[in-house]
C-alpha atoms as a PDB file:
ATOM      1  CA  MET A   1     -80.470 -18.176 234.904  1.00  0.00           C
ATOM      2  CA  PRO A   2     -78.125 -15.286 234.254  1.00  0.00           C
ATOM      3  CA  ASP A   3     -77.889 -12.357 236.755  1.00  0.00           C
ATOM      4  CA  LEU A   4     -79.866  -9.522 235.094  1.00  0.00           C
ATOM      5  CA  CYS A   5     -78.083  -6.992 237.254  1.00  0.00           C
ATOM      6  CA  ALA A   6     -74.628  -8.445 236.316  1.00  0.00           C
ATOM      7  CA  PRO A   7     -72.569  -6.759 233.495  1.00  0.00           C
ATOM      8  CA  VAL A   8     -71.944  -8.852 230.351  1.00  0.00           C
ATOM      9  CA  ARG A   9     -68.262 -10.327 230.722  1.00  0.00           C
ATOM     10  CA  ILE A  10     -66.608  -9.862 227.263  1.00  0.00           C
ATOM     11  CA  ALA A  11     -63.304 -11.603 226.218  1.00  0.00           C
ATOM     12  CA  VAL A  12     -61.334 -10.526 223.108  1.00  0.00           C
ATOM     13  CA  VAL A  13     -59.425 -13.537 222.203  1.00  0.00           C
ATOM     14  CA  VAL A  14     -56.716 -13.072 219.753  1.00  0.00           C
ATOM     15  CA  PRO A  15     -54.831 -16.061 217.954  1.00  0.00           C
ATOM     16  CA  CYS A  16     -51.246 -14.979 217.313  1.00  0.00           C
ATOM     17  CA  TYR A  17     -48.330 -16.422 215.341  1.00  0.00           C
ATOM     18  CA  ASN A  18     -45.570 -14.251 214.538  1.00  0.00           C
ATOM     19  CA  GLU A  19     -47.564 -10.918 214.746  1.00  0.00           C
ATOM     20  CA  ALA A  20     -45.082  -8.707 216.644  1.00  0.00           C
ATOM     21  CA  ALA A  21     -45.534  -5.983 214.004  1.00  0.00           C
ATOM     22  CA  THR A  22     -49.366  -5.801 214.492  1.00  0.00           C
ATOM     23  CA  ILE A  23     -50.431  -7.272 217.856  1.00  0.00           C
ATOM     24  CA  ALA A  24     -49.946  -3.961 219.808  1.00  0.00           C
ATOM     25  CA  THR A  25     -52.259  -2.191 217.262  1.00  0.00           C
ATOM     26  CA  VAL A  26     -54.832  -4.752 217.755  1.00  0.00           C
ATOM     27  CA  VAL A  27     -54.675  -4.692 221.523  1.00  0.00           C
ATOM     28  CA  ARG A  28     -54.843  -0.849 221.387  1.00  0.00           C
ATOM     29  CA  ASP A  29     -57.743  -0.608 219.148  1.00  0.00           C
ATOM     30  CA  PHE A  30     -59.940  -3.159 220.818  1.00  0.00           C
ATOM     31  CA  ARG A  31     -59.159  -1.591 224.205  1.00  0.00           C
ATOM     32  CA  ALA A  32     -60.359   1.686 222.957  1.00  0.00           C
ATOM     33  CA  ASN A  33     -63.637   0.299 221.571  1.00  0.00           C
ATOM     34  CA  LEU A  34     -64.380  -2.302 224.441  1.00  0.00           C
ATOM     35  CA  PRO A  35     -62.808  -0.755 227.468  1.00  0.00           C
ATOM     36  CA  ALA A  36     -64.373  -3.157 230.004  1.00  0.00           C
ATOM     37  CA  ALA A  37     -63.354  -6.300 227.882  1.00  0.00           C
ATOM     38  CA  GLU A  38     -60.382  -8.592 228.790  1.00  0.00           C
ATOM     39  CA  ILE A  39     -58.041  -8.988 225.887  1.00  0.00           C
ATOM     40  CA  ILE A  40     -56.250 -12.284 225.690  1.00  0.00           C
ATOM     41  CA  ALA A  41     -53.536 -12.997 223.195  1.00  0.00           C
ATOM     42  CA  PHE A  42     -52.936 -16.710 222.370  1.00  0.00           C
ATOM     43  CA  ASP A  43     -49.362 -17.109 221.341  1.00  0.00           C
ATOM     44  CA  ASN A  44     -48.857 -20.065 219.098  1.00  0.00           C
ATOM     45  CA  ASN A  45     -45.105 -20.565 219.185  1.00  0.00           C
ATOM     46  CA  SER A  46     -44.220 -17.277 217.849  1.00  0.00           C
ATOM     47  CA  THR A  47     -40.299 -16.714 217.208  1.00  0.00           C
ATOM     48  CA  ASP A  48     -40.528 -12.942 216.856  1.00  0.00           C
ATOM     49  CA  GLY A  49     -41.471 -11.836 220.379  1.00  0.00           C
ATOM     50  CA  THR A  50     -45.202 -11.543 219.748  1.00  0.00           C
ATOM     51  CA  ALA A  51     -45.977 -12.447 223.420  1.00  0.00           C
ATOM     52  CA  ASP A  52     -43.783  -9.762 224.878  1.00  0.00           C
ATOM     53  CA  VAL A  53     -45.172  -7.205 222.587  1.00  0.00           C
ATOM     54  CA  ALA A  54     -48.826  -8.136 223.505  1.00  0.00           C
ATOM     55  CA  ARG A  55     -47.895  -8.346 227.201  1.00  0.00           C
ATOM     56  CA  THR A  56     -46.387  -4.739 227.045  1.00  0.00           C
ATOM     57  CA  ALA A  57     -49.456  -3.565 225.230  1.00  0.00           C
ATOM     58  CA  GLY A  58     -51.817  -4.652 228.074  1.00  0.00           C
ATOM     59  CA  ALA A  59     -52.947  -8.096 227.020  1.00  0.00           C
ATOM     60  CA  ARG A  60     -52.971 -11.216 228.965  1.00  0.00           C
ATOM     61  CA  VAL A  61     -50.996 -13.867 227.241  1.00  0.00           C
ATOM     62  CA  ILE A  62     -51.609 -17.581 226.943  1.00  0.00           C
ATOM     63  CA  THR A  63     -49.177 -19.906 225.175  1.00  0.00           C
ATOM     64  CA  VAL A  64     -50.505 -22.716 223.005  1.00  0.00           C
ATOM     65  CA  PRO A  65     -47.675 -25.254 222.239  1.00  0.00           C
ATOM     66  CA  LEU A  66     -49.869 -27.229 219.720  1.00  0.00           C
ATOM     67  CA  GLN A  67     -49.258 -25.647 216.372  1.00  0.00           C
ATOM     68  CA  GLY A  68     -52.349 -24.555 214.468  1.00  0.00           C
ATOM     69  CA  LYS A  69     -55.264 -22.095 214.560  1.00  0.00           C
ATOM     70  CA  GLY A  70     -57.741 -24.890 215.325  1.00  0.00           C
ATOM     71  CA  ASN A  71     -55.646 -25.820 218.496  1.00  0.00           C
ATOM     72  CA  VAL A  72     -55.666 -22.315 219.536  1.00  0.00           C
ATOM     73  CA  VAL A  73     -59.350 -21.940 219.255  1.00  0.00           C
ATOM     74  CA  ARG A  74     -59.836 -25.089 221.297  1.00  0.00           C
ATOM     75  CA  ARG A  75     -57.875 -23.680 224.032  1.00  0.00           C
ATOM     76  CA  MET A  76     -59.668 -20.174 223.865  1.00  0.00           C
ATOM     77  CA  PHE A  77     -62.932 -21.778 224.407  1.00  0.00           C
ATOM     78  CA  ALA A  78     -61.692 -24.023 227.164  1.00  0.00           C
ATOM     79  CA  ASP A  79     -59.523 -21.707 229.232  1.00  0.00           C
ATOM     80  CA  VAL A  80     -61.446 -18.405 229.009  1.00  0.00           C
ATOM     81  CA  ASP A  81     -64.592 -17.827 231.066  1.00  0.00           C
ATOM     82  CA  ALA A  82     -66.880 -15.129 229.631  1.00  0.00           C
ATOM     83  CA  ASP A  83     -70.349 -14.425 228.527  1.00  0.00           C
ATOM     84  CA  VAL A  84     -69.423 -13.167 225.133  1.00  0.00           C
ATOM     85  CA  TYR A  85     -66.175 -14.159 223.155  1.00  0.00           C
ATOM     86  CA  LEU A  86     -64.952 -11.921 220.343  1.00  0.00           C
ATOM     87  CA  MET A  87     -62.415 -13.711 218.273  1.00  0.00           C
ATOM     88  CA  VAL A  88     -60.147 -11.526 215.892  1.00  0.00           C
ATOM     89  CA  ASP A  89     -56.924 -12.302 214.129  1.00  0.00           C
ATOM     90  CA  GLY A  90     -53.818 -10.622 215.382  1.00  0.00           C
ATOM     91  CA  ASP A  91     -52.925  -9.126 211.972  1.00  0.00           C
ATOM     92  CA  ALA A  92     -54.640  -5.686 212.297  1.00  0.00           C
ATOM     93  CA  THR A  93     -56.755  -6.143 209.325  1.00  0.00           C
ATOM     94  CA  TYR A  94     -60.115  -6.139 210.939  1.00  0.00           C
ATOM     95  CA  ASP A  95     -62.194  -3.117 211.974  1.00  0.00           C
ATOM     96  CA  ALA A  96     -62.095  -2.793 215.753  1.00  0.00           C
ATOM     97  CA  SER A  97     -64.822  -0.044 215.738  1.00  0.00           C
ATOM     98  CA  ALA A  98     -67.273  -2.568 214.551  1.00  0.00           C
ATOM     99  CA  ALA A  99     -66.898  -4.736 217.652  1.00  0.00           C
ATOM    100  CA  PRO A 100     -69.576  -3.052 219.697  1.00  0.00           C
ATOM    101  CA  MET A 101     -71.994  -3.400 216.870  1.00  0.00           C
ATOM    102  CA  LEU A 102     -71.305  -7.199 216.569  1.00  0.00           C
ATOM    103  CA  ILE A 103     -71.616  -7.716 220.311  1.00  0.00           C
ATOM    104  CA  ASN A 104     -74.913  -5.816 220.513  1.00  0.00           C
ATOM    105  CA  CYS A 105     -76.344  -7.738 217.668  1.00  0.00           C
ATOM    106  CA  LEU A 106     -75.457 -10.976 219.477  1.00  0.00           C
ATOM    107  CA  ILE A 107     -76.972 -10.060 222.704  1.00  0.00           C
ATOM    108  CA  GLU A 108     -80.088  -8.091 221.652  1.00  0.00           C
ATOM    109  CA  ASN A 109     -81.268 -10.864 219.113  1.00  0.00           C
ATOM    110  CA  GLY A 110     -80.293 -13.720 221.304  1.00  0.00           C
ATOM    111  CA  LEU A 111     -77.788 -15.075 218.766  1.00  0.00           C
ATOM    112  CA  ASP A 112     -74.956 -17.745 219.164  1.00  0.00           C
ATOM    113  CA  MET A 113     -72.563 -16.445 216.477  1.00  0.00           C
ATOM    114  CA  VAL A 114     -72.222 -13.072 214.570  1.00  0.00           C
ATOM    115  CA  VAL A 115     -69.708 -13.285 211.708  1.00  0.00           C
ATOM    116  CA  GLY A 116     -67.947 -10.074 210.449  1.00  0.00           C
ATOM    117  CA  ALA A 117     -67.925 -10.478 206.756  1.00  0.00           C
ATOM    118  CA  ARG A 118     -64.991  -8.852 204.961  1.00  0.00           C
ATOM    119  CA  LEU A 119     -65.513  -5.948 202.644  1.00  0.00           C
ATOM    120  CA  SER A 120     -62.535  -4.263 201.088  1.00  0.00           C
ATOM    121  CA  GLU A 121     -61.646  -2.203 198.088  1.00  0.00           C
ATOM    122  CA  GLU A 122     -57.925  -2.848 198.621  1.00  0.00           C
ATOM    123  CA  GLN A 123     -56.425  -5.458 196.319  1.00  0.00           C
ATOM    124  CA  ALA A 124     -53.661  -6.220 198.700  1.00  0.00           C
ATOM    125  CA  ALA A 125     -55.953  -6.786 201.561  1.00  0.00           C
ATOM    126  CA  TYR A 126     -58.200  -9.408 200.021  1.00  0.00           C
ATOM    127  CA  ARG A 127     -56.160 -11.124 197.255  1.00  0.00           C
ATOM    128  CA  LEU A 128     -58.010 -12.512 194.301  1.00  0.00           C
ATOM    129  CA  GLY A 129     -56.899 -15.906 194.777  1.00  0.00           C
ATOM    130  CA  HIS A 130     -58.176 -15.882 198.479  1.00  0.00           C
ATOM    131  CA  ARG A 131     -61.373 -14.222 197.550  1.00  0.00           C
ATOM    132  CA  PHE A 132     -62.054 -16.711 194.827  1.00  0.00           C
ATOM    133  CA  GLY A 133     -61.167 -19.690 197.038  1.00  0.00           C
ATOM    134  CA  ASN A 134     -63.343 -18.241 199.902  1.00  0.00           C
ATOM    135  CA  VAL A 135     -66.445 -17.905 197.468  1.00  0.00           C
ATOM    136  CA  LEU A 136     -65.872 -21.431 196.121  1.00  0.00           C
ATOM    137  CA  LEU A 137     -65.512 -23.138 199.378  1.00  0.00           C
ATOM    138  CA  THR A 138     -68.428 -21.226 200.843  1.00  0.00           C
ATOM    139  CA  GLN A 139     -70.650 -22.291 197.890  1.00  0.00           C
ATOM    140  CA  CYS A 140     -69.479 -25.767 198.331  1.00  0.00           C
ATOM    141  CA  ALA A 141     -70.380 -25.822 202.121  1.00  0.00           C
ATOM    142  CA  ALA A 142     -73.757 -24.179 201.283  1.00  0.00           C
ATOM    143  CA  SER A 143     -74.638 -26.811 198.747  1.00  0.00           C
ATOM    144  CA  ILE A 144     -74.172 -29.589 201.405  1.00  0.00           C
ATOM    145  CA  PHE A 145     -75.283 -28.070 204.673  1.00  0.00           C
ATOM    146  CA  GLY A 146     -77.773 -25.472 203.346  1.00  0.00           C
ATOM    147  CA  ARG A 147     -78.047 -21.741 204.339  1.00  0.00           C
ATOM    148  CA  THR A 148     -74.598 -20.543 205.110  1.00  0.00           C
ATOM    149  CA  PHE A 149     -72.519 -17.390 205.174  1.00  0.00           C
ATOM    150  CA  LYS A 150     -71.247 -15.003 202.422  1.00  0.00           C
ATOM    151  CA  ASP A 151     -67.749 -15.023 204.181  1.00  0.00           C
ATOM    152  CA  MET A 152     -67.555 -18.545 205.923  1.00  0.00           C
ATOM    153  CA  LEU A 153     -63.775 -18.086 206.381  1.00  0.00           C
ATOM    154  CA  SER A 154     -63.880 -14.787 208.193  1.00  0.00           C
ATOM    155  CA  GLY A 155     -61.520 -14.578 211.345  1.00  0.00           C
ATOM    156  CA  TYR A 156     -63.773 -12.053 212.907  1.00  0.00           C
ATOM    157  CA  ARG A 157     -66.462 -13.506 214.972  1.00  0.00           C
ATOM    158  CA  VAL A 158     -68.509 -13.055 218.192  1.00  0.00           C
ATOM    159  CA  PHE A 159     -69.851 -16.144 220.052  1.00  0.00           C
ATOM    160  CA  SER A 160     -72.059 -16.726 222.963  1.00  0.00           C
ATOM    161  CA  ARG A 161     -71.031 -18.646 225.927  1.00  0.00           C
ATOM    162  CA  ARG A 162     -73.263 -21.456 225.149  1.00  0.00           C
ATOM    163  CA  TYR A 163     -71.711 -21.843 221.653  1.00  0.00           C
ATOM    164  CA  ALA A 164     -68.142 -21.647 223.104  1.00  0.00           C
ATOM    165  CA  LYS A 165     -68.691 -24.272 225.708  1.00  0.00           C
ATOM    166  CA  THR A 166     -70.418 -26.804 223.430  1.00  0.00           C
ATOM    167  CA  PHE A 167     -67.983 -26.456 220.445  1.00  0.00           C
ATOM    168  CA  PRO A 168     -66.021 -29.631 219.885  1.00  0.00           C
ATOM    169  CA  ALA A 169     -63.229 -28.152 217.908  1.00  0.00           C
ATOM    170  CA  HIS A 170     -61.784 -30.999 215.949  1.00  0.00           C
ATOM    171  CA  SER A 171     -59.670 -29.073 213.398  1.00  0.00           C
ATOM    172  CA  ALA A 172     -56.133 -28.259 213.996  1.00  0.00           C
ATOM    173  CA  GLY A 173     -55.469 -25.571 211.459  1.00  0.00           C
ATOM    174  CA  PHE A 174     -57.211 -22.790 209.293  1.00  0.00           C
ATOM    175  CA  GLU A 175     -59.953 -25.159 208.600  1.00  0.00           C
ATOM    176  CA  ILE A 176     -61.345 -24.255 212.048  1.00  0.00           C
ATOM    177  CA  GLU A 177     -63.485 -21.402 210.527  1.00  0.00           C
ATOM    178  CA  THR A 178     -65.258 -23.896 208.212  1.00  0.00           C
ATOM    179  CA  GLU A 179     -65.938 -26.119 211.485  1.00  0.00           C
ATOM    180  CA  LEU A 180     -67.147 -23.205 213.340  1.00  0.00           C
ATOM    181  CA  ALA A 181     -69.666 -22.269 210.519  1.00  0.00           C
ATOM    182  CA  VAL A 182     -70.827 -25.879 210.014  1.00  0.00           C
ATOM    183  CA  HIS A 183     -71.319 -26.426 213.717  1.00  0.00           C
ATOM    184  CA  ALA A 184     -73.777 -23.638 213.911  1.00  0.00           C
ATOM    185  CA  LEU A 185     -75.630 -24.707 210.946  1.00  0.00           C
ATOM    186  CA  GLY A 186     -75.678 -28.335 212.063  1.00  0.00           C
ATOM    187  CA  MET A 187     -76.995 -27.294 215.454  1.00  0.00           C
ATOM    188  CA  ARG A 188     -79.445 -24.758 213.911  1.00  0.00           C
ATOM    189  CA  MET A 189     -78.211 -22.083 216.035  1.00  0.00           C
ATOM    190  CA  PRO A 190     -79.572 -18.478 215.495  1.00  0.00           C
ATOM    191  CA  VAL A 191     -76.557 -16.780 213.714  1.00  0.00           C
ATOM    192  CA  ALA A 192     -76.124 -13.508 211.804  1.00  0.00           C
ATOM    193  CA  GLU A 193     -73.619 -11.909 209.562  1.00  0.00           C
ATOM    194  CA  ILE A 194     -72.646  -8.133 209.426  1.00  0.00           C
ATOM    195  CA  ASP A 195     -70.512  -6.465 206.714  1.00  0.00           C
ATOM    196  CA  THR A 196     -67.235  -5.202 208.258  1.00  0.00           C
ATOM    197  CA  GLN A 197     -64.300  -3.267 206.761  1.00  0.00           C
ATOM    198  CA  TYR A 198     -61.256  -5.438 206.138  1.00  0.00           C
ATOM    199  CA  TYR A 199     -57.713  -3.806 205.611  1.00  0.00           C
ATOM    200  CA  SER A 200     -54.403  -4.748 204.114  1.00  0.00           C
ATOM    201  CA  ARG A 201     -51.769  -5.867 206.413  1.00  0.00           C
ATOM    202  CA  PRO A 202     -49.241  -3.299 207.635  1.00  0.00           C
ATOM    203  CA  GLU A 203     -45.765  -3.307 206.443  1.00  0.00           C
ATOM    204  CA  GLY A 204     -43.659  -5.886 208.082  1.00  0.00           C
ATOM    205  CA  SER A 205     -46.720  -8.422 208.623  1.00  0.00           C
ATOM    206  CA  GLU A 206     -46.962 -11.609 206.399  1.00  0.00           C
ATOM    207  CA  SER A 207     -50.034 -13.774 205.951  1.00  0.00           C
ATOM    208  CA  LYS A 208     -49.567 -17.266 207.224  1.00  0.00           C
ATOM    209  CA  LEU A 209     -52.321 -18.561 204.813  1.00  0.00           C
ATOM    210  CA  ASN A 210     -51.150 -20.818 201.918  1.00  0.00           C
ATOM    211  CA  THR A 211     -53.918 -20.589 199.243  1.00  0.00           C
ATOM    212  CA  TYR A 212     -53.508 -23.946 197.754  1.00  0.00           C
ATOM    213  CA  ARG A 213     -52.513 -25.907 200.812  1.00  0.00           C
ATOM    214  CA  ASP A 214     -54.867 -24.650 203.250  1.00  0.00           C
ATOM    215  CA  GLY A 215     -57.739 -24.355 200.626  1.00  0.00           C
ATOM    216  CA  TRP A 216     -57.169 -28.116 199.929  1.00  0.00           C
ATOM    217  CA  ARG A 217     -57.369 -28.663 203.883  1.00  0.00           C
ATOM    218  CA  ILE A 218     -60.643 -26.645 204.081  1.00  0.00           C
ATOM    219  CA  LEU A 219     -62.111 -28.748 201.250  1.00  0.00           C
ATOM    220  CA  MET A 220     -61.207 -31.990 202.918  1.00  0.00           C
ATOM    221  CA  THR A 221     -62.638 -30.547 206.126  1.00  0.00           C
ATOM    222  CA  ILE A 222     -65.946 -29.834 204.421  1.00  0.00           C
ATOM    223  CA  LEU A 223     -65.997 -33.448 203.012  1.00  0.00           C
ATOM    224  CA  LYS A 224     -65.191 -34.878 206.441  1.00  0.00           C
ATOM    225  CA  LEU A 225     -67.924 -32.809 208.172  1.00  0.00           C
ATOM    226  CA  PHE A 226     -70.422 -34.039 205.418  1.00  0.00           C
ATOM    227  CA  LYS A 227     -69.575 -37.690 206.275  1.00  0.00           C
ATOM    228  CA  THR A 228     -69.845 -36.934 209.983  1.00  0.00           C
ATOM    229  CA  GLU A 229     -72.956 -34.611 209.920  1.00  0.00           C
ATOM    230  CA  LYS A 230     -74.816 -36.272 207.159  1.00  0.00           C
ATOM    231  CA  PRO A 231     -73.820 -39.800 206.877  1.00  0.00           C
ATOM    232  CA  PHE A 232     -76.776 -41.142 205.050  1.00  0.00           C
ATOM    233  CA  ALA A 233     -76.585 -38.564 202.332  1.00  0.00           C
ATOM    234  CA  PHE A 234     -72.684 -39.274 202.168  1.00  0.00           C
ATOM    235  CA  PHE A 235     -72.844 -42.965 201.974  1.00  0.00           C
ATOM    236  CA  PHE A 236     -75.974 -43.086 199.867  1.00  0.00           C
ATOM    237  CA  GLY A 237     -73.913 -40.814 197.173  1.00  0.00           C
ATOM    238  CA  CYS A 238     -71.207 -43.300 197.413  1.00  0.00           C
ATOM    239  CA  PHE A 239     -73.776 -46.168 196.811  1.00  0.00           C
ATOM    240  CA  LEU A 240     -75.040 -44.446 193.912  1.00  0.00           C
ATOM    241  CA  ILE A 241     -71.491 -43.972 192.300  1.00  0.00           C
ATOM    242  CA  CYS A 242     -70.918 -47.734 192.785  1.00  0.00           C
ATOM    243  CA  MET A 243     -74.124 -48.623 191.218  1.00  0.00           C
ATOM    244  CA  ILE A 244     -73.766 -46.413 188.170  1.00  0.00           C
ATOM    245  CA  PHE A 245     -70.223 -48.123 187.477  1.00  0.00           C
ATOM    246  CA  ALA A 246     -71.715 -51.534 188.046  1.00  0.00           C
ATOM    247  CA  ILE A 247     -74.643 -51.078 185.754  1.00  0.00           C
ATOM    248  CA  GLY A 248     -72.485 -49.315 183.111  1.00  0.00           C
ATOM    249  CA  LEU A 249     -70.116 -52.180 182.995  1.00  0.00           C
ATOM    250  CA  ALA A 250     -73.022 -54.806 183.205  1.00  0.00           C
ATOM    251  CA  ILE A 251     -74.986 -53.627 180.039  1.00  0.00           C
ATOM    252  CA  PRO A 252     -72.614 -54.837 177.522  1.00  0.00           C
ATOM    253  CA  LEU A 253     -72.554 -58.110 179.327  1.00  0.00           C
ATOM    254  CA  PHE A 254     -76.240 -58.467 179.259  1.00  0.00           C
ATOM    255  CA  GLU A 255     -76.365 -57.572 175.565  1.00  0.00           C
ATOM    256  CA  THR A 256     -73.649 -60.253 174.836  1.00  0.00           C
ATOM    257  CA  TYR A 257     -75.454 -62.804 176.961  1.00  0.00           C
ATOM    258  CA  ILE A 258     -78.659 -62.212 175.121  1.00  0.00           C
ATOM    259  CA  GLU A 259     -77.201 -62.466 171.730  1.00  0.00           C
ATOM    260  CA  THR A 260     -74.893 -65.655 172.326  1.00  0.00           C
ATOM    261  CA  GLY A 261     -76.051 -66.992 175.729  1.00  0.00           C
ATOM    262  CA  LEU A 262     -72.457 -66.709 176.928  1.00  0.00           C
ATOM    263  CA  VAL A 263     -70.610 -64.504 179.341  1.00  0.00           C
ATOM    264  CA  PRO A 264     -67.103 -64.209 177.960  1.00  0.00           C
ATOM    265  CA  ARG A 265     -65.638 -61.370 180.137  1.00  0.00           C
ATOM    266  CA  ILE A 266     -65.688 -63.153 183.556  1.00  0.00           C
ATOM    267  CA  PRO A 267     -63.523 -60.465 185.220  1.00  0.00           C
ATOM    268  CA  THR A 268     -65.802 -57.776 184.391  1.00  0.00           C
ATOM    269  CA  ALA A 269     -68.737 -59.724 185.589  1.00  0.00           C
ATOM    270  CA  ILE A 270     -66.850 -60.262 188.952  1.00  0.00           C
ATOM    271  CA  LEU A 271     -66.228 -56.530 189.118  1.00  0.00           C
ATOM    272  CA  CYS A 272     -69.779 -55.696 188.627  1.00  0.00           C
ATOM    273  CA  SER A 273     -70.743 -58.019 191.496  1.00  0.00           C
ATOM    274  CA  GLY A 274     -68.185 -56.593 193.729  1.00  0.00           C
ATOM    275  CA  LEU A 275     -69.253 -52.813 193.057  1.00  0.00           C
ATOM    276  CA  THR A 276     -72.959 -53.980 193.877  1.00  0.00           C
ATOM    277  CA  LEU A 277     -71.871 -55.722 197.027  1.00  0.00           C
ATOM    278  CA  PHE A 278     -69.716 -52.854 198.142  1.00  0.00           C
ATOM    279  CA  GLY A 279     -72.427 -50.290 197.330  1.00  0.00           C
ATOM    280  CA  GLY A 280     -74.774 -52.397 199.476  1.00  0.00           C
ATOM    281  CA  ILE A 281     -72.277 -52.274 202.297  1.00  0.00           C
ATOM    282  CA  LEU A 282     -71.926 -48.467 202.029  1.00  0.00           C
ATOM    283  CA  LEU A 283     -75.709 -47.895 202.044  1.00  0.00           C
ATOM    284  CA  THR A 284     -76.055 -50.181 205.173  1.00  0.00           C
ATOM    285  CA  CYS A 285     -73.302 -47.997 206.802  1.00  0.00           C
ATOM    286  CA  GLY A 286     -75.111 -44.832 205.922  1.00  0.00           C
ATOM    287  CA  ILE A 287     -78.326 -46.121 207.517  1.00  0.00           C
ATOM    288  CA  VAL A 288     -76.607 -47.348 210.658  1.00  0.00           C
ATOM    289  CA  LEU A 289     -74.467 -44.077 211.095  1.00  0.00           C
ATOM    290  CA  ASP A 290     -77.485 -41.910 210.346  1.00  0.00           C
ATOM    291  CA  THR A 291     -79.166 -43.467 213.580  1.00  0.00           C
ATOM    292  CA  VAL A 292     -76.075 -43.063 215.558  1.00  0.00           C
ATOM    293  CA  THR A 293     -75.656 -39.289 214.462  1.00  0.00           C
ATOM    294  CA  ARG A 294     -79.317 -38.415 215.476  1.00  0.00           C
ATOM    295  CA  GLY A 295     -78.488 -39.687 218.987  1.00  0.00           C
ATOM    296  CA  ARG A 296     -75.295 -37.717 219.118  1.00  0.00           C
ATOM    297  CA  ASN A 297     -76.969 -34.654 217.932  1.00  0.00           C
ATOM    298  CA  GLU A 298     -79.726 -35.025 220.634  1.00  0.00           C
ATOM    299  CA  ALA A 299     -76.864 -35.241 223.317  1.00  0.00           C
ATOM    300  CA  LYS A 300     -75.130 -32.158 221.810  1.00  0.00           C
ATOM    301  CA  ARG A 301     -78.484 -30.304 221.864  1.00  0.00           C
ATOM    302  CA  MET A 302     -79.117 -31.077 225.386  1.00  0.00           C
ATOM    303  CA  ALA A 303     -75.507 -29.892 226.393  1.00  0.00           C
ATOM    304  CA  TYR A 304     -76.105 -26.764 224.336  1.00  0.00           C
ATOM    305  CA  LEU A 305     -79.353 -26.044 226.007  1.00  0.00           C
ATOM    306  CA  ALA A 306     -77.794 -26.525 229.536  1.00  0.00           C
ATOM    307  CA  VAL A 307     -75.649 -23.427 229.142  1.00  0.00           C
ATOM    308  CA  PRO A 308     -77.709 -20.163 229.837  1.00  0.00           C
ATOM    309  CA  LEU A 309     -78.038 -17.664 227.147  1.00  0.00           C
ATOM    310  CA  VAL A 310     -76.879 -14.107 227.899  1.00  0.00           C
ATOM    311  CA  SER A 311     -79.896 -11.811 228.532  1.00  0.00           C
ATOM    312  CA  SER A 312     -80.418  -8.566 226.649  1.00  0.00           C
ATOM    313  CA  ALA A 313     -81.524  -7.034 229.988  1.00  0.00           C
ATOM    314  CA  GLN A 314     -77.810  -7.535 231.231  1.00  0.00           C
ATOM    315  CA  LYS A 315     -75.514  -4.552 231.220  1.00  0.00           C
ATOM    316  CA  LEU A 316     -73.216  -4.093 228.270  1.00  0.00           C
ATOM    317  CA  VAL A 317     -70.328  -2.256 229.568  1.00  0.00           C
END
């Protein structure tokens, strides 16, 4: 049980890659809004002196050699011990004044994740391509995993300790936000989303996100998570595809056989048989893996429940 007299330990964790132009602003703004929080910058092989700037601004710096935001998040949750984790990108585009509101929402409602959904009237802040890709990928995830978020790819989030300490973090790059959302949905965690202002990058700061390359990676991550979290639905869909092709190719063969009593297209008949057998194998895989996944989810749930939830009676300082 958490000590109800103890203050809530808050860690502001900031993934950074070549953000020397903005990291000092991020540290200063979050220090002003969360004076009791520990601010930790995770430098991911920056070449522009980001680590030195963050350290000078008053942040603790941890270096992550493995490149990619997913690798940084894995280290964040493993190396930092806190009751509440606030993750924000180091590009000074998120509203630091909303941080207390996000944290209070998490604690008072007993939630495990609160997402700061991005709202912006600035075209430069939220480019049309990024906006469209976010909506498309969010809707894709929603169609597979059910209820989801308006802004699944936001880099502004608050997590409970039990979320952080039970998150597997398989992703290596920007697709980590998708995994964060799907993990919460798969575990049926209590979550929320609050609109927050999103600003354009200051002059001298450049986005590291590639719209097409990273969008493709996120889409592939959604499909991988679909296979991992819902194996029966995934393999049953593959089974249906095989059967549709097999039946479509077999219909002309049956028509010819009924008319002539012959099967002249032997290769097509062999292909139909192969597709049917392959479909049966996929269906069997789906049934077996669904049983395995249920057992794995039960183990994940037990590990999740073993971590105490921050009580709303604790002091938020």
